[in-house]
C-alpha atoms as a PDB file:
ATOM      1  CA  MET A   1       1.649-263.450  13.964  1.00  0.00           C
ATOM      2  CA  ARG A   2      -0.040-264.031  10.644  1.00  0.00           C
ATOM      3  CA  LEU A   3      -3.594-264.956  11.549  1.00  0.00           C
ATOM      4  CA  LEU A   4      -6.073-266.370   9.042  1.00  0.00           C
ATOM      5  CA  ARG A   5      -9.297-268.301   8.627  1.00  0.00           C
ATOM      6  CA  TYR A   6      -9.684-271.174   6.206  1.00  0.00           C
ATOM      7  CA  GLY A   7     -12.536-273.273   4.873  1.00  0.00           C
ATOM      8  CA  ALA A   8     -15.851-272.894   3.078  1.00  0.00           C
ATOM      9  CA  PRO A   9     -17.725-269.561   3.353  1.00  0.00           C
ATOM     10  CA  GLY A  10     -19.498-269.357   6.692  1.00  0.00           C
ATOM     11  CA  ARG A  11     -17.619-272.363   8.086  1.00  0.00           C
ATOM     12  CA  GLU A  12     -14.088-270.981   8.328  1.00  0.00           C
ATOM     13  CA  LYS A  13     -11.742-272.339  10.985  1.00  0.00           C
ATOM     14  CA  PRO A  14      -9.033-270.336  12.782  1.00  0.00           C
ATOM     15  CA  GLY A  15      -5.441-270.734  11.714  1.00  0.00           C
ATOM     16  CA  LEU A  16      -2.103-269.049  11.306  1.00  0.00           C
ATOM     17  CA  ALA A  17       0.659-269.054   8.726  1.00  0.00           C
ATOM     18  CA  ASP A  18       4.037-270.196   9.998  1.00  0.00           C
ATOM     19  CA  LYS A  19       7.420-268.866   8.845  1.00  0.00           C
ATOM     20  CA  ASP A  20       7.514-271.414   6.011  1.00  0.00           C
ATOM     21  CA  GLY A  21       4.071-270.448   4.713  1.00  0.00           C
ATOM     22  CA  ASN A  22       2.267-273.522   6.075  1.00  0.00           C
ATOM     23  CA  ILE A  23      -1.245-273.099   7.411  1.00  0.00           C
ATOM     24  CA  ARG A  24      -1.452-274.278  11.021  1.00  0.00           C
ATOM     25  CA  ASP A  25      -4.778-275.209  12.606  1.00  0.00           C
ATOM     26  CA  LEU A  26      -5.677-273.127  15.671  1.00  0.00           C
ATOM     27  CA  SER A  27      -9.096-274.680  16.329  1.00  0.00           C
ATOM     28  CA  LYS A  28      -7.895-276.607  19.410  1.00  0.00           C
ATOM     29  CA  VAL A  29      -6.551-273.370  20.902  1.00  0.00           C
ATOM     30  CA  ILE A  30      -9.298-270.846  20.073  1.00  0.00           C
ATOM     31  CA  ALA A  31     -12.822-271.234  18.751  1.00  0.00           C
ATOM     32  CA  GLN A  32     -12.614-268.355  16.297  1.00  0.00           C
ATOM     33  CA  ILE A  33     -10.579-265.357  15.204  1.00  0.00           C
ATOM     34  CA  ASP A  34     -12.907-262.435  15.709  1.00  0.00           C
ATOM     35  CA  ASP A  35     -13.069-258.892  17.062  1.00  0.00           C
ATOM     36  CA  SER A  36     -12.885-260.063  20.678  1.00  0.00           C
ATOM     37  CA  LEU A  37      -9.527-261.749  20.035  1.00  0.00           C
ATOM     38  CA  LEU A  38      -7.937-258.510  18.813  1.00  0.00           C
ATOM     39  CA  ALA A  39      -7.504-256.919  22.239  1.00  0.00           C
ATOM     40  CA  PRO A  40      -3.789-256.587  23.092  1.00  0.00           C
ATOM     41  CA  ARG A  41      -3.963-258.999  26.049  1.00  0.00           C
ATOM     42  CA  ASN A  42      -5.637-261.689  23.927  1.00  0.00           C
ATOM     43  CA  LEU A  43      -3.148-261.333  21.080  1.00  0.00           C
ATOM     44  CA  ALA A  44      -0.284-261.489  23.576  1.00  0.00           C
ATOM     45  CA  ARG A  45      -1.694-264.714  25.018  1.00  0.00           C
ATOM     46  CA  LEU A  46      -2.065-266.222  21.536  1.00  0.00           C
ATOM     47  CA  ALA A  47       1.476-265.181  20.609  1.00  0.00           C
ATOM     48  CA  ARG A  48       2.789-267.580  23.248  1.00  0.00           C
ATOM     49  CA  VAL A  49       1.555-270.527  21.191  1.00  0.00           C
ATOM     50  CA  LYS A  50       4.394-272.131  19.239  1.00  0.00           C
ATOM     51  CA  PRO A  51       3.333-272.658  15.594  1.00  0.00           C
ATOM     52  CA  GLU A  52       5.360-275.866  15.292  1.00  0.00           C
ATOM     53  CA  THR A  53       3.123-277.484  17.943  1.00  0.00           C
ATOM     54  CA  LEU A  54       0.012-276.968  15.786  1.00  0.00           C
ATOM     55  CA  PRO A  55      -1.115-279.414  13.082  1.00  0.00           C
ATOM     56  CA  ILE A  56      -0.402-278.458   9.479  1.00  0.00           C
ATOM     57  CA  VAL A  57      -3.481-278.060   7.266  1.00  0.00           C
ATOM     58  CA  ARG A  58      -2.938-280.169   4.179  1.00  0.00           C
ATOM     59  CA  GLY A  59      -3.938-279.260   0.647  1.00  0.00           C
ATOM     60  CA  ASN A  60      -4.870-275.807  -0.560  1.00  0.00           C
ATOM     61  CA  PRO A  61      -7.951-274.713   1.388  1.00  0.00           C
ATOM     62  CA  ARG A  62      -9.940-271.597   0.584  1.00  0.00           C
ATOM     63  CA  LEU A  63      -8.986-268.589   2.715  1.00  0.00           C
ATOM     64  CA  GLY A  64     -11.695-266.357   4.135  1.00  0.00           C
ATOM     65  CA  VAL A  65     -11.486-262.860   5.578  1.00  0.00           C
ATOM     66  CA  PRO A  66      -8.775-263.324   8.257  1.00  0.00           C
ATOM     67  CA  TYR A  67     -11.109-262.508  11.158  1.00  0.00           C
ATOM     68  CA  ALA A  68     -14.818-262.095  11.855  1.00  0.00           C
ATOM     69  CA  GLY A  69     -16.709-259.284  13.563  1.00  0.00           C
ATOM     70  CA  ILE A  70     -16.103-256.297  11.289  1.00  0.00           C
ATOM     71  CA  SER A  71     -18.654-253.647  12.188  1.00  0.00           C
ATOM     72  CA  LYS A  72     -17.281-250.889   9.925  1.00  0.00           C
ATOM     73  CA  PHE A  73     -15.299-250.867   6.698  1.00  0.00           C
ATOM     74  CA  VAL A  74     -13.959-247.313   6.420  1.00  0.00           C
ATOM     75  CA  ALA A  75     -12.133-246.229   3.270  1.00  0.00           C
ATOM     76  CA  VAL A  76      -9.907-243.274   2.415  1.00  0.00           C
ATOM     77  CA  GLY A  77      -9.887-241.689  -1.036  1.00  0.00           C
ATOM     78  CA  LEU A  78      -7.063-240.002  -2.932  1.00  0.00           C
ATOM     79  CA  ASN A  79      -4.514-240.697  -0.199  1.00  0.00           C
ATOM     80  CA  TYR A  80      -1.510-240.993  -2.550  1.00  0.00           C
ATOM     81  CA  SER A  81      -0.527-237.760  -4.248  1.00  0.00           C
ATOM     82  CA  ASP A  82       0.427-239.444  -7.526  1.00  0.00           C
ATOM     83  CA  HIS A  83      -2.904-241.306  -7.633  1.00  0.00           C
ATOM     84  CA  ALA A  84      -4.794-238.041  -7.131  1.00  0.00           C
ATOM     85  CA  ALA A  85      -2.862-236.617 -10.077  1.00  0.00           C
ATOM     86  CA  GLU A  86      -3.719-239.535 -12.373  1.00  0.00           C
ATOM     87  CA  ALA A  87      -7.389-239.217 -11.381  1.00  0.00           C
ATOM     88  CA  GLY A  88      -7.295-235.503 -12.208  1.00  0.00           C
ATOM     89  CA  MET A  89      -8.288-234.511  -8.675  1.00  0.00           C
ATOM     90  CA  PRO A  90      -6.601-232.172  -6.179  1.00  0.00           C
ATOM     91  CA  ILE A  91      -4.639-233.507  -3.230  1.00  0.00           C
ATOM     92  CA  PRO A  92      -7.098-233.335  -0.323  1.00  0.00           C
ATOM     93  CA  ALA A  93      -6.495-230.976   2.583  1.00  0.00           C
ATOM     94  CA  GLU A  94      -8.109-233.509   4.924  1.00  0.00           C
ATOM     95  CA  PRO A  95      -8.729-237.250   4.497  1.00  0.00           C
ATOM     96  CA  ILE A  96     -11.630-238.101   2.186  1.00  0.00           C
ATOM     97  CA  LEU A  97     -13.728-240.763   3.893  1.00  0.00           C
ATOM     98  CA  PHE A  98     -16.364-243.117   2.552  1.00  0.00           C
ATOM     99  CA  MET A  99     -17.778-246.469   3.643  1.00  0.00           C
ATOM    100  CA  LYS A 100     -17.586-249.834   1.953  1.00  0.00           C
ATOM    101  CA  ALA A 101     -20.543-252.084   2.776  1.00  0.00           C
ATOM    102  CA  THR A 102     -19.595-254.975   5.046  1.00  0.00           C
ATOM    103  CA  THR A 103     -21.547-257.222   2.655  1.00  0.00           C
ATOM    104  CA  CYS A 104     -18.765-256.647   0.088  1.00  0.00           C
ATOM    105  CA  LEU A 105     -16.220-258.475   2.263  1.00  0.00           C
ATOM    106  CA  CYS A 106     -14.809-261.692   0.835  1.00  0.00           C
ATOM    107  CA  GLY A 107     -11.762-263.907   0.953  1.00  0.00           C
ATOM    108  CA  PRO A 108      -8.520-262.839  -0.718  1.00  0.00           C
ATOM    109  CA  ASN A 109      -8.810-265.319  -3.589  1.00  0.00           C
ATOM    110  CA  ASP A 110     -12.566-265.392  -4.073  1.00  0.00           C
ATOM    111  CA  ASP A 111     -13.948-264.446  -7.489  1.00  0.00           C
ATOM    112  CA  THR A 112     -14.827-260.812  -8.172  1.00  0.00           C
ATOM    113  CA  ILE A 113     -18.406-260.661  -9.421  1.00  0.00           C
ATOM    114  CA  GLN A 114     -18.993-257.992 -12.051  1.00  0.00           C
ATOM    115  CA  PRO A 115     -22.310-256.415 -11.038  1.00  0.00           C
ATOM    116  CA  ARG A 116     -25.254-256.000 -13.347  1.00  0.00           C
ATOM    117  CA  GLY A 117     -24.894-252.859 -15.453  1.00  0.00           C
ATOM    118  CA  SER A 118     -21.167-252.565 -14.717  1.00  0.00           C
ATOM    119  CA  THR A 119     -19.035-251.094 -17.515  1.00  0.00           C
ATOM    120  CA  LYS A 120     -15.997-249.684 -15.657  1.00  0.00           C
ATOM    121  CA  LEU A 121     -14.753-252.242 -13.157  1.00  0.00           C
ATOM    122  CA  ASP A 122     -11.456-251.163 -11.594  1.00  0.00           C
ATOM    123  CA  TRP A 123      -8.798-252.300  -9.117  1.00  0.00           C
ATOM    124  CA  GLU A 124      -7.015-250.655  -6.150  1.00  0.00           C
ATOM    125  CA  VAL A 125      -4.375-252.357  -3.992  1.00  0.00           C
ATOM    126  CA  GLU A 126      -4.459-250.886  -0.485  1.00  0.00           C
ATOM    127  CA  LEU A 127      -3.068-251.306   3.009  1.00  0.00           C
ATOM    128  CA  GLY A 128      -5.749-252.162   5.545  1.00  0.00           C
ATOM    129  CA  ILE A 129      -5.487-251.087   9.204  1.00  0.00           C
ATOM    130  CA  VAL A 130      -7.284-253.354  11.695  1.00  0.00           C
ATOM    131  CA  ILE A 131      -8.409-251.764  14.962  1.00  0.00           C
ATOM    132  CA  GLY A 132      -7.756-253.754  18.146  1.00  0.00           C
ATOM    133  CA  THR A 133      -8.911-251.358  20.885  1.00  0.00           C
ATOM    134  CA  ARG A 134     -11.949-249.073  21.011  1.00  0.00           C
ATOM    135  CA  ALA A 135     -10.784-245.694  19.711  1.00  0.00           C
ATOM    136  CA  GLN A 136     -12.537-242.361  20.259  1.00  0.00           C
ATOM    137  CA  TYR A 137     -10.816-238.954  20.031  1.00  0.00           C
ATOM    138  CA  VAL A 138      -7.407-240.599  19.849  1.00  0.00           C
ATOM    139  CA  PRO A 139      -4.313-238.333  19.628  1.00  0.00           C
ATOM    140  CA  GLU A 140      -2.080-239.020  16.650  1.00  0.00           C
ATOM    141  CA  SER A 141       0.893-239.730  18.916  1.00  0.00           C
ATOM    142  CA  LYS A 142      -0.985-242.674  20.475  1.00  0.00           C
ATOM    143  CA  ALA A 143      -2.969-243.856  17.467  1.00  0.00           C
ATOM    144  CA  ILE A 144      -0.915-246.928  16.529  1.00  0.00           C
ATOM    145  CA  ASP A 145      -1.423-248.267  20.068  1.00  0.00           C
ATOM    146  CA  TYR A 146      -5.050-248.883  19.046  1.00  0.00           C
ATOM    147  CA  VAL A 147      -4.098-250.992  16.019  1.00  0.00           C
ATOM    148  CA  ALA A 148      -4.092-254.803  16.125  1.00  0.00           C
ATOM    149  CA  GLY A 149      -2.445-255.285  12.753  1.00  0.00           C
ATOM    150  CA  TYR A 150      -2.505-254.822   8.999  1.00  0.00           C
ATOM    151  CA  CYS A 151      -3.721-256.662   5.907  1.00  0.00           C
ATOM    152  CA  VAL A 152      -3.997-256.475   2.131  1.00  0.00           C
ATOM    153  CA  VAL A 153      -7.219-255.015   0.677  1.00  0.00           C
ATOM    154  CA  ASN A 154      -8.345-254.741  -2.934  1.00  0.00           C
ATOM    155  CA  ASP A 155     -10.710-251.763  -2.992  1.00  0.00           C
ATOM    156  CA  VAL A 156     -12.581-253.016  -6.069  1.00  0.00           C
ATOM    157  CA  SER A 157     -14.464-250.112  -7.662  1.00  0.00           C
ATOM    158  CA  GLU A 158     -17.067-249.516 -10.368  1.00  0.00           C
ATOM    159  CA  ARG A 159     -16.241-246.076 -11.771  1.00  0.00           C
ATOM    160  CA  ASN A 160     -19.505-245.575 -13.633  1.00  0.00           C
ATOM    161  CA  PHE A 161     -21.465-246.235 -10.446  1.00  0.00           C
ATOM    162  CA  GLN A 162     -19.013-244.153  -8.393  1.00  0.00           C
ATOM    163  CA  LEU A 163     -18.362-241.059 -10.502  1.00  0.00           C
ATOM    164  CA  GLU A 164     -20.746-240.728 -13.431  1.00  0.00           C
ATOM    165  CA  ARG A 165     -24.163-240.986 -11.828  1.00  0.00           C
ATOM    166  CA  GLY A 166     -24.089-238.257  -9.211  1.00  0.00           C
ATOM    167  CA  SER A 167     -20.640-238.998  -7.740  1.00  0.00           C
ATOM    168  CA  GLN A 168     -21.704-241.343  -4.938  1.00  0.00           C
ATOM    169  CA  TRP A 169     -18.568-243.190  -3.901  1.00  0.00           C
ATOM    170  CA  ASP A 170     -20.307-245.681  -1.601  1.00  0.00           C
ATOM    171  CA  ARG A 171     -22.440-246.917  -4.489  1.00  0.00           C
ATOM    172  CA  GLY A 172     -19.397-247.692  -6.623  1.00  0.00           C
ATOM    173  CA  LYS A 173     -17.407-249.321  -3.819  1.00  0.00           C
ATOM    174  CA  GLY A 174     -19.782-251.604  -1.930  1.00  0.00           C
ATOM    175  CA  CYS A 175     -21.013-254.207  -4.420  1.00  0.00           C
ATOM    176  CA  ASP A 176     -20.755-257.868  -3.470  1.00  0.00           C
ATOM    177  CA  THR A 177     -17.133-259.158  -3.557  1.00  0.00           C
ATOM    178  CA  PHE A 178     -15.725-255.600  -3.789  1.00  0.00           C
ATOM    179  CA  GLY A 179     -13.761-256.056  -0.544  1.00  0.00           C
ATOM    180  CA  PRO A 180     -11.239-258.914  -0.677  1.00  0.00           C
ATOM    181  CA  VAL A 181      -9.249-258.916   2.580  1.00  0.00           C
ATOM    182  CA  GLY A 182      -6.254-261.050   3.505  1.00  0.00           C
ATOM    183  CA  PRO A 183      -4.700-263.558   3.201  1.00  0.00           C
ATOM    184  CA  TRP A 184      -3.592-262.747   6.744  1.00  0.00           C
ATOM    185  CA  LEU A 185      -4.031-260.304   9.564  1.00  0.00           C
ATOM    186  CA  VAL A 186      -0.405-259.526  10.431  1.00  0.00           C
ATOM    187  CA  THR A 187      -0.011-258.200  13.954  1.00  0.00           C
ATOM    188  CA  THR A 188       1.917-255.036  14.754  1.00  0.00           C
ATOM    189  CA  ASP A 189       4.853-256.907  16.289  1.00  0.00           C
ATOM    190  CA  GLU A 190       5.744-258.008  12.734  1.00  0.00           C
ATOM    191  CA  ILE A 191       4.948-254.690  11.014  1.00  0.00           C
ATOM    192  CA  THR A 192       6.624-252.101  13.214  1.00  0.00           C
ATOM    193  CA  ASP A 193       6.569-249.346  10.568  1.00  0.00           C
ATOM    194  CA  PRO A 194       3.552-249.397   8.221  1.00  0.00           C
ATOM    195  CA  GLN A 195       4.962-246.480   6.204  1.00  0.00           C
ATOM    196  CA  THR A 196       7.701-248.489   4.449  1.00  0.00           C
ATOM    197  CA  LEU A 197       5.666-251.175   2.658  1.00  0.00           C
ATOM    198  CA  ASP A 198       5.842-251.895  -1.074  1.00  0.00           C
ATOM    199  CA  LEU A 199       2.508-252.473  -2.835  1.00  0.00           C
ATOM    200  CA  TRP A 200       1.927-254.050  -6.258  1.00  0.00           C
ATOM    201  CA  LEU A 201      -0.926-255.178  -8.503  1.00  0.00           C
ATOM    202  CA  ASP A 202      -0.962-256.970 -11.875  1.00  0.00           C
ATOM    203  CA  VAL A 203      -3.781-257.686 -14.313  1.00  0.00           C
ATOM    204  CA  ASN A 204      -3.391-260.857 -16.383  1.00  0.00           C
ATOM    205  CA  GLY A 205       0.293-260.879 -15.431  1.00  0.00           C
ATOM    206  CA  GLU A 206       0.945-257.318 -16.612  1.00  0.00           C
ATOM    207  CA  ALA A 207       2.144-254.717 -14.124  1.00  0.00           C
ATOM    208  CA  ARG A 208      -0.405-252.051 -13.224  1.00  0.00           C
ATOM    209  CA  GLN A 209       0.315-250.634  -9.764  1.00  0.00           C
ATOM    210  CA  ARG A 210       3.640-250.164  -8.012  1.00  0.00           C
ATOM    211  CA  GLY A 211       3.959-248.001  -4.920  1.00  0.00           C
ATOM    212  CA  ASN A 212       5.065-247.647  -1.331  1.00  0.00           C
ATOM    213  CA  THR A 213       3.127-246.531   1.731  1.00  0.00           C
ATOM    214  CA  ARG A 214       5.723-243.811   2.403  1.00  0.00           C
ATOM    215  CA  THR A 215       3.991-241.689  -0.277  1.00  0.00           C
ATOM    216  CA  MET A 216       0.663-241.571   1.561  1.00  0.00           C
ATOM    217  CA  VAL A 217      -0.681-238.050   1.986  1.00  0.00           C
ATOM    218  CA  PHE A 218      -1.964-238.981   5.467  1.00  0.00           C
ATOM    219  CA  ASN A 219      -0.093-241.755   7.255  1.00  0.00           C
ATOM    220  CA  CYS A 220      -1.658-244.553   9.280  1.00  0.00           C
ATOM    221  CA  ALA A 221      -1.396-242.790  12.642  1.00  0.00           C
ATOM    222  CA  ARG A 222      -2.987-239.654  11.207  1.00  0.00           C
ATOM    223  CA  LEU A 223      -5.841-241.646   9.687  1.00  0.00           C
ATOM    224  CA  VAL A 224      -6.697-243.554  12.864  1.00  0.00           C
ATOM    225  CA  SER A 225      -6.602-240.343  14.890  1.00  0.00           C
ATOM    226  CA  TYR A 226      -8.614-238.345  12.335  1.00  0.00           C
ATOM    227  CA  ILE A 227     -11.335-240.924  11.831  1.00  0.00           C
ATOM    228  CA  SER A 228     -11.715-241.415  15.589  1.00  0.00           C
ATOM    229  CA  GLN A 229     -12.718-237.738  15.884  1.00  0.00           C
ATOM    230  CA  TYR A 230     -15.857-238.438  13.833  1.00  0.00           C
ATOM    231  CA  MET A 231     -16.821-242.024  14.671  1.00  0.00           C
ATOM    232  CA  THR A 232     -15.907-244.461  17.393  1.00  0.00           C
ATOM    233  CA  LEU A 233     -13.707-247.197  15.977  1.00  0.00           C
ATOM    234  CA  LEU A 234     -14.394-250.626  17.452  1.00  0.00           C
ATOM    235  CA  PRO A 235     -12.192-253.718  17.603  1.00  0.00           C
ATOM    236  CA  GLY A 236     -12.323-255.394  14.214  1.00  0.00           C
ATOM    237  CA  ASP A 237     -13.084-252.231  12.265  1.00  0.00           C
ATOM    238  CA  ILE A 238     -10.933-251.947   9.166  1.00  0.00           C
ATOM    239  CA  ILE A 239      -9.603-248.796   7.532  1.00  0.00           C
ATOM    240  CA  THR A 240      -8.439-249.179   3.954  1.00  0.00           C
ATOM    241  CA  THR A 241      -5.958-246.401   3.359  1.00  0.00           C
ATOM    242  CA  GLY A 242      -5.945-245.449  -0.330  1.00  0.00           C
ATOM    243  CA  THR A 243      -4.113-246.650  -3.403  1.00  0.00           C
ATOM    244  CA  PRO A 244      -0.968-245.742  -5.368  1.00  0.00           C
ATOM    245  CA  PRO A 245      -1.118-244.851  -9.085  1.00  0.00           C
ATOM    246  CA  GLY A 246      -1.838-247.350 -11.822  1.00  0.00           C
ATOM    247  CA  VAL A 247      -5.593-247.858 -11.626  1.00  0.00           C
ATOM    248  CA  GLY A 248      -7.595-248.450 -14.783  1.00  0.00           C
ATOM    249  CA  LEU A 249      -9.272-245.039 -14.503  1.00  0.00           C
ATOM    250  CA  GLY A 250      -5.903-243.313 -14.801  1.00  0.00           C
ATOM    251  CA  MET A 251      -4.646-245.148 -17.880  1.00  0.00           C
ATOM    252  CA  LYS A 252      -4.661-243.401 -21.255  1.00  0.00           C
ATOM    253  CA  PRO A 253      -7.083-244.473 -22.538  1.00  0.00           C
ATOM    254  CA  PRO A 254      -8.745-245.898 -19.413  1.00  0.00           C
ATOM    255  CA  GLN A 255      -8.772-249.693 -19.192  1.00  0.00           C
ATOM    256  CA  TYR A 256     -11.212-251.684 -17.112  1.00  0.00           C
ATOM    257  CA  LEU A 257     -11.644-255.279 -16.038  1.00  0.00           C
ATOM    258  CA  LYS A 258     -13.737-257.752 -18.007  1.00  0.00           C
ATOM    259  CA  VAL A 259     -15.008-261.235 -17.299  1.00  0.00           C
ATOM    260  CA  GLY A 260     -12.127-263.710 -17.312  1.00  0.00           C
ATOM    261  CA  ASP A 261      -9.448-261.235 -16.221  1.00  0.00           C
ATOM    262  CA  VAL A 262      -7.225-262.234 -13.305  1.00  0.00           C
ATOM    263  CA  VAL A 263      -6.001-259.683 -10.758  1.00  0.00           C
ATOM    264  CA  THR A 264      -3.036-260.492  -8.519  1.00  0.00           C
ATOM    265  CA  LEU A 265      -1.800-258.130  -5.826  1.00  0.00           C
ATOM    266  CA  GLY A 266       0.159-257.952  -2.630  1.00  0.00           C
ATOM    267  CA  ILE A 267       2.003-255.945  -0.002  1.00  0.00           C
ATOM    268  CA  HIS A 268       5.462-256.754   1.322  1.00  0.00           C
ATOM    269  CA  GLY A 269       5.129-258.768   4.530  1.00  0.00           C
ATOM    270  CA  LEU A 270       1.340-259.026   4.286  1.00  0.00           C
ATOM    271  CA  GLY A 271       0.868-261.661   1.602  1.00  0.00           C
ATOM    272  CA  GLU A 272      -0.815-261.847  -1.797  1.00  0.00           C
ATOM    273  CA  GLN A 273      -4.291-262.093  -3.307  1.00  0.00           C
ATOM    274  CA  ARG A 274      -5.688-263.458  -6.579  1.00  0.00           C
ATOM    275  CA  GLN A 275      -9.156-262.820  -8.018  1.00  0.00           C
ATOM    276  CA  ARG A 276     -10.798-263.888 -11.271  1.00  0.00           C
ATOM    277  CA  VAL A 277     -13.552-261.658 -12.644  1.00  0.00           C
ATOM    278  CA  VAL A 278     -16.806-263.539 -13.245  1.00  0.00           C
ATOM    279  CA  ALA A 279     -20.222-262.482 -14.513  1.00  0.00           C
ATOM    280  CA  CYS A 280     -23.118-261.854 -12.157  1.00  0.00           C
ATOM    281  CA  ALA A 281     -25.325-264.943 -12.178  1.00  0.00           C
ATOM    282  CA  ALA A 282     -28.714-264.435 -13.806  1.00  0.00           C
ATOM    283  CA  LYS A 283     -31.777-264.872 -11.596  1.00  0.00           C
END
């Protein structure tokens, strides 16, 4: 299934994308797509609904984060060896973890707001893992059993905030609109092997990132298992798994986003995103 939510911020309705890309309204079947729906038994029940029996949503509605109820937004740094090389950093011996603020979450096509004082706004296409079952001390061999599905994430970053003022990654990763997620949550029955997915990102129509999840340093099962040793993962928690090479920081000379730029990105089987960079509104 390709689950989604559509509508104005704070008033999103549940839906799904059918095989032809139409949005189908799920509001007569379920009240909301949230963390409680992600349990295996609930997803299995929803999977019995035939998309062709649901009404098509007309027009081009805004898409929100595909589900509600995200308690943690866990991120992994330097998880592609070629990205670590372009950043001039060693390949980590263990996963590098940091947190993105849940207040940075936004829809896949919402504007990216350049924060006040920002000078080095960057992009990172990433595979997101969505937890479906409470996970604590999970063995790697069983880790994918705890996953509800996958999604596209743009780990928007401000490198000056992140690296040049005391190297505090959370500070450079959690600004408002720095976490576009979606367009869909694609359940594991459709993505049976998350380590074979092509990723891409363009800026103003020019290619920037091209990669495949097979080149991850730590694969999805390893990440879920590892993180569950240090924090309990709850249904709805999202792990964004690192980015392939081609970020602005790694270009020679570095290139960063400016107001008016348009970022498009996607992952095979998981859909596409589009964000326009806008200035922070004065107050």
